[in-house]
């Protein structure tokens, strides 16, 4: 493979803009890791007109893909978990080129999982968990059991990913293999949802009861990042929170997370008078300090 594809990656390696190049080979039972391609070449660059660029090739009745990604895009994927293959590509990939040991440092960073980055990932995952759980419960209470089932499966995935991060690991694509070892209680919930002979309504009812406990017990941990940011000021508007640089990745999940924290007495609503009689601005204050 390397001999045939060498001209492709050597051209990139000769450019001062290139930070590192990895080769990822397709594995027999994990073909989706490379999107069914026999080889993926991952090129990380400082600058690129678009954040992400792909070229596909054919050689010897095989397929290869060249993925060129800008460094800031790569960092965003790693933080948000929005491209779940990227962690496995970095950890499993073979280094073909590495300027100033860039990739070596990145692999070490993934292995060590810095505390600050972990705290942000926990907050983002917890916010998604709360949204999926609350929306799923609303569907269930309205008798829309199939929609509730879909949302609760997603909620369990976020709960599983949260448990993996809590234990100091990056969630992989095969997250349930990780959770089976790390948090068997969560794995058991997922298994029962899928395999139980109870009616769907009964399965969901039991799952919401169990999930409520698991989510509640993780609230201080899951919301720590948001609450620590909020402790910097006495009061916040929703717009101030949405535009805070440390909270920008929460996006649409921030509002529902705030409402959840109000319900759990972690955040207090402060009503501020407006010009309209009987209408108040809704401000937010941390009620339960973490320290």
Protein backbone atom coordinates (compact mmCIF):
# COMPACT_ATOMS: atom_id res chain seq x y z
CA UNK A 1 0.00 0.00 0.00
CA UNK A 2 2.60 2.53 1.09
CA UNK A 3 4.63 2.21 -2.10
CA UNK A 4 1.59 2.90 -4.29
CA UNK A 5 0.19 5.75 -2.20
CA UNK A 6 3.55 7.28 -1.27
CA UNK A 7 3.48 9.92 -4.06
CA UNK A 8 0.14 11.17 -2.72
CA UNK A 9 1.22 11.70 0.87
CA UNK A 10 4.81 12.67 0.10
CA UNK A 11 3.54 15.64 -1.88
CA UNK A 12 1.65 16.77 1.23
CA UNK A 13 4.58 16.06 3.54
CA UNK A 14 6.78 18.41 1.55
CA UNK A 15 4.45 21.35 2.24
CA UNK A 16 5.29 23.57 5.24
CA UNK A 17 1.56 23.80 6.01
CA UNK A 18 1.34 20.08 6.83
CA UNK A 19 1.57 19.09 10.49
CA UNK A 20 1.18 15.33 10.32
CA UNK A 21 0.04 12.42 8.16
CA UNK A 22 -1.52 9.17 9.38
CA UNK A 23 -2.39 5.94 7.62
CA UNK A 24 -5.40 3.92 8.81
CA UNK A 25 -5.98 0.44 7.38
CA UNK A 26 -9.34 -1.30 7.10
CA UNK A 27 -9.84 -4.12 9.59
CA UNK A 28 -11.80 -7.25 8.77
CA UNK A 29 -14.59 -6.79 11.31
CA UNK A 30 -14.46 -2.99 11.61
CA UNK A 31 -14.86 -1.83 8.01
CA UNK A 32 -16.98 1.18 8.97
CA UNK A 33 -14.02 2.76 10.78
CA UNK A 34 -12.61 3.61 7.35
CA UNK A 35 -16.04 4.04 5.67
CA UNK A 36 -15.33 0.70 3.87
CA UNK A 37 -12.14 2.10 2.25
CA UNK A 38 -9.07 -0.12 2.36
CA UNK A 39 -6.84 2.76 3.41
CA UNK A 40 -7.45 6.24 4.79
CA UNK A 41 -4.72 8.87 4.74
CA UNK A 42 -5.38 11.59 7.30
CA UNK A 43 -3.49 14.82 6.66
CA UNK A 44 -3.60 17.55 9.31
CA UNK A 45 -2.74 21.05 8.15
CA UNK A 46 -2.48 24.50 9.72
CA UNK A 47 -4.45 26.33 7.04
CA UNK A 48 -7.04 25.25 4.48
CA UNK A 49 -9.68 27.16 2.52
CA UNK A 50 -12.34 24.80 3.87
CA UNK A 51 -12.18 23.05 7.26
CA UNK A 52 -12.28 19.61 5.65
CA UNK A 53 -11.47 18.19 2.22
CA UNK A 54 -11.60 14.62 0.84
CA UNK A 55 -10.22 12.92 -2.27
CA UNK A 56 -10.93 9.30 -3.21
CA UNK A 57 -8.66 6.96 -5.18
CA UNK A 58 -8.68 3.47 -6.70
CA UNK A 59 -5.60 1.23 -6.83
CA UNK A 60 -5.14 -2.52 -7.42
CA UNK A 61 -8.91 -3.07 -7.15
CA UNK A 62 -8.84 -1.32 -3.79
CA UNK A 63 -10.08 2.03 -2.49
CA UNK A 64 -8.18 4.77 -0.69
CA UNK A 65 -9.37 8.07 0.77
CA UNK A 66 -7.32 11.16 1.46
CA UNK A 67 -8.79 13.27 4.26
CA UNK A 68 -7.26 16.71 4.70
CA UNK A 69 -8.41 18.47 7.86
CA UNK A 70 -7.55 21.87 9.26
CA UNK A 71 -6.13 21.80 12.77
CA UNK A 72 -8.93 23.87 14.32
CA UNK A 73 -11.54 21.54 12.83
CA UNK A 74 -9.70 18.52 14.21
CA UNK A 75 -9.60 20.07 17.68
CA UNK A 76 -13.33 20.81 17.50
CA UNK A 77 -14.12 17.21 16.55
CA UNK A 78 -12.05 15.96 19.47
CA UNK A 79 -13.77 18.31 21.90
CA UNK A 80 -17.37 17.84 20.75
CA UNK A 81 -17.16 14.19 19.73
CA UNK A 82 -18.96 15.13 16.50
CA UNK A 83 -16.68 12.91 14.38
CA UNK A 84 -16.35 9.79 16.48
CA UNK A 85 -14.00 8.01 14.10
CA UNK A 86 -11.32 10.65 14.56
CA UNK A 87 -10.24 9.46 18.01
CA UNK A 88 -9.75 5.91 16.72
CA UNK A 89 -7.92 7.18 13.65
CA UNK A 90 -5.49 9.11 15.83
CA UNK A 91 -4.97 6.34 18.37
CA UNK A 92 -4.72 3.48 15.86
CA UNK A 93 -3.21 5.24 12.84
CA UNK A 94 0.36 4.73 11.70
CA UNK A 95 2.39 7.94 11.57
CA UNK A 96 3.82 8.52 8.09
CA UNK A 97 4.95 12.09 8.68
CA UNK A 98 5.15 14.14 11.87
CA UNK A 99 6.45 17.70 11.91
CA UNK A 100 8.00 18.55 15.28
CA UNK A 101 6.32 15.45 16.78
CA UNK A 102 2.89 17.04 16.41
CA UNK A 103 1.01 13.72 16.20
CA UNK A 104 3.07 12.17 18.98
CA UNK A 105 1.95 15.01 21.23
CA UNK A 106 -1.67 14.63 20.10
CA UNK A 107 -1.65 10.90 20.86
CA UNK A 108 -0.24 11.65 24.32
CA UNK A 109 -2.93 14.29 24.86
CA UNK A 110 -5.65 11.79 23.98
CA UNK A 111 -4.15 9.23 26.31
CA UNK A 112 -3.79 11.68 29.22
CA UNK A 113 -7.17 13.39 28.55
CA UNK A 114 -6.48 16.80 30.15
CA UNK A 115 -8.83 17.67 33.01
CA UNK A 116 -10.13 20.95 31.52
CA UNK A 117 -11.02 19.33 28.21
CA UNK A 118 -12.66 16.42 30.03
CA UNK A 119 -14.78 18.84 32.10
CA UNK A 120 -16.12 20.56 28.97
CA UNK A 121 -16.90 17.23 27.28
CA UNK A 122 -18.74 16.10 30.42
CA UNK A 123 -20.84 19.27 30.39
CA UNK A 124 -21.74 18.95 26.72
CA UNK A 125 -22.61 15.26 27.05
CA UNK A 126 -24.70 15.89 30.17
CA UNK A 127 -26.63 18.66 28.40
CA UNK A 128 -27.45 16.30 25.51
CA UNK A 129 -28.44 13.59 27.99
CA UNK A 130 -30.85 15.93 29.79
CA UNK A 131 -32.45 17.04 26.51
CA UNK A 132 -32.98 13.49 25.23
CA UNK A 133 -34.29 12.30 28.59
CA UNK A 134 -36.75 15.19 29.06
CA UNK A 135 -38.04 15.04 25.48
CA UNK A 136 -38.37 11.25 25.68
CA UNK A 137 -40.28 11.49 28.95
CA UNK A 138 -42.65 14.06 27.41
CA UNK A 139 -43.38 11.70 24.50
CA UNK A 140 -43.97 8.86 26.96
CA UNK A 141 -46.40 10.89 29.07
CA UNK A 142 -48.31 11.76 25.89
CA UNK A 143 -48.60 8.08 25.00
CA UNK A 144 -46.22 8.32 22.01
CA UNK A 145 -44.22 5.26 22.98
CA UNK A 146 -42.29 4.68 19.76
CA UNK A 147 -41.00 8.25 19.77
CA UNK A 148 -40.22 7.92 23.47
CA UNK A 149 -38.27 4.72 22.73
CA UNK A 150 -36.17 6.49 20.09
CA UNK A 151 -35.30 9.34 22.47
CA UNK A 152 -34.51 7.07 25.40
CA UNK A 153 -32.09 5.02 23.30
CA UNK A 154 -30.26 8.26 22.47
CA UNK A 155 -30.37 9.27 26.16
CA UNK A 156 -28.78 5.97 27.16
CA UNK A 157 -26.03 6.51 24.58
CA UNK A 158 -25.26 9.91 26.11
CA UNK A 159 -25.36 8.39 29.60
CA UNK A 160 -22.94 5.69 28.44
CA UNK A 161 -20.58 8.22 26.88
CA UNK A 162 -20.75 10.33 30.05
CA UNK A 163 -19.78 7.31 32.16
CA UNK A 164 -16.80 6.58 29.90
CA UNK A 165 -15.58 10.19 30.09
CA UNK A 166 -16.14 10.19 33.87
CA UNK A 167 -13.71 7.27 34.09
CA UNK A 168 -11.05 9.18 32.16
CA UNK A 169 -11.46 7.62 28.72
CA UNK A 170 -12.54 8.95 25.34
CA UNK A 171 -15.79 7.33 24.13
CA UNK A 172 -15.18 5.10 21.13
CA UNK A 173 -17.56 4.09 18.36
CA UNK A 174 -18.06 0.79 20.19
CA UNK A 175 -19.04 2.64 23.37
CA UNK A 176 -21.17 -0.21 24.73
CA UNK A 177 -18.13 -2.49 24.84
CA UNK A 178 -16.48 0.13 27.04
CA UNK A 179 -19.56 0.60 29.23
CA UNK A 180 -20.01 -3.12 29.79
CA UNK A 181 -16.67 -3.08 31.64
CA UNK A 182 -16.84 0.39 33.20
CA UNK A 183 -20.51 0.83 34.20
CA UNK A 184 -22.36 -2.53 34.01
CA UNK A 185 -25.45 -0.92 35.59
CA UNK A 186 -25.94 1.34 32.56
CA UNK A 187 -25.21 -1.52 30.17
CA UNK A 188 -27.89 -3.59 31.94
CA UNK A 189 -30.46 -0.82 31.41
CA UNK A 190 -29.68 -0.73 27.70
CA UNK A 191 -29.84 -4.52 27.46
CA UNK A 192 -33.19 -4.66 29.22
CA UNK A 193 -34.65 -1.99 26.97
CA UNK A 194 -33.70 -4.02 23.90
CA UNK A 195 -34.32 -7.59 25.08
CA UNK A 196 -36.96 -7.53 27.83
CA UNK A 197 -40.20 -9.42 27.15
CA UNK A 198 -42.22 -6.75 28.97
CA UNK A 199 -44.47 -4.48 26.90
CA UNK A 200 -42.82 -1.41 25.43
CA UNK A 201 -44.81 0.82 27.79
CA UNK A 202 -43.64 -1.12 30.84
CA UNK A 203 -40.03 -1.18 29.66
CA UNK A 204 -40.06 2.58 29.16
CA UNK A 205 -41.75 3.21 32.50
CA UNK A 206 -39.09 1.23 34.38
CA UNK A 207 -36.30 2.81 32.35
CA UNK A 208 -37.42 6.36 33.10
CA UNK A 209 -37.48 5.57 36.82
CA UNK A 210 -33.95 4.14 36.70
CA UNK A 211 -32.67 6.91 34.43
CA UNK A 212 -34.06 9.60 36.71
CA UNK A 213 -31.91 8.28 39.55
CA UNK A 214 -28.78 7.91 37.41
CA UNK A 215 -29.12 11.40 35.95
CA UNK A 216 -29.94 13.02 39.31
CA UNK A 217 -26.94 11.37 40.97
CA UNK A 218 -24.67 12.81 38.27
CA UNK A 219 -26.07 16.35 38.22
CA UNK A 220 -23.30 18.01 40.27
CA UNK A 221 -20.70 16.22 38.19
CA UNK A 222 -22.38 16.74 34.80
CA UNK A 223 -23.25 20.41 35.30
CA UNK A 224 -19.97 21.40 37.01
CA UNK A 225 -18.56 23.21 33.97
CA UNK A 226 -21.65 25.39 33.43
CA UNK A 227 -22.07 26.14 37.14
CA UNK A 228 -18.42 27.11 37.53
CA UNK A 229 -18.76 29.59 34.66
CA UNK A 230 -21.94 30.99 36.19
CA UNK A 231 -20.24 31.51 39.57
CA UNK A 232 -18.12 34.26 37.96
CA UNK A 233 -21.11 36.66 38.12
CA UNK A 234 -24.08 37.05 40.41
CA UNK A 235 -26.70 37.08 37.63
CA UNK A 236 -26.88 36.10 33.96
CA UNK A 237 -29.29 36.56 31.09
CA UNK A 238 -29.70 33.63 28.72
CA UNK A 239 -28.06 35.68 25.96
CA UNK A 240 -25.01 36.39 28.12
CA UNK A 241 -24.62 32.67 28.77
CA UNK A 242 -25.11 31.69 25.13
CA UNK A 243 -22.45 34.18 24.05
CA UNK A 244 -19.90 33.28 26.71
CA UNK A 245 -16.82 31.83 24.92
CA UNK A 246 -16.62 28.86 27.31
CA UNK A 247 -20.25 27.91 26.68
CA UNK A 248 -20.56 28.43 22.92
CA UNK A 249 -20.66 24.69 22.14
CA UNK A 250 -23.73 24.06 24.31
CA UNK A 251 -25.89 25.78 21.67
CA UNK A 252 -29.56 24.78 21.81
CA UNK A 253 -29.02 22.42 24.75
CA UNK A 254 -28.17 25.25 27.15
CA UNK A 255 -31.75 26.43 27.77
CA UNK A 256 -33.13 23.01 28.64
CA UNK A 257 -30.11 22.27 30.85
CA UNK A 258 -30.77 25.51 32.76
CA UNK A 259 -34.42 24.57 33.28
CA UNK A 260 -33.36 21.14 34.53
CA UNK A 261 -30.93 22.75 36.99
CA UNK A 262 -33.67 25.11 38.20
CA UNK A 263 -35.91 22.11 38.85
CA UNK A 264 -33.09 20.40 40.79
CA UNK A 265 -32.39 23.59 42.84
CA UNK A 266 -28.91 24.20 41.42
CA UNK A 267 -29.93 27.43 39.67
CA UNK A 268 -32.33 30.14 40.80
CA UNK A 269 -34.49 32.38 38.59
CA UNK A 270 -34.33 36.11 39.36
CA UNK A 271 -37.24 38.16 38.01
CA UNK A 272 -36.12 41.62 36.87
CA UNK A 273 -38.70 44.33 36.23
CA UNK A 274 -39.36 45.45 32.65
CA UNK A 275 -41.33 48.43 31.34
CA UNK A 276 -44.31 46.18 30.79
CA UNK A 277 -46.60 45.70 33.84
CA UNK A 278 -46.48 42.12 35.14
CA UNK A 279 -43.69 41.11 32.74
CA UNK A 280 -40.20 40.34 34.03
CA UNK A 281 -36.81 39.59 32.52
CA UNK A 282 -35.69 36.10 33.51
CA UNK A 283 -32.16 36.12 34.96
CA UNK A 284 -30.24 33.16 36.38
CA UNK A 285 -28.08 32.73 39.45
CA UNK A 286 -26.22 29.74 40.87
CA UNK A 287 -28.11 28.62 43.97
CA UNK A 288 -26.09 25.57 44.97
CA UNK A 289 -22.35 26.26 45.04
CA UNK A 290 -20.06 23.43 44.02
CA UNK A 291 -17.22 24.37 46.36
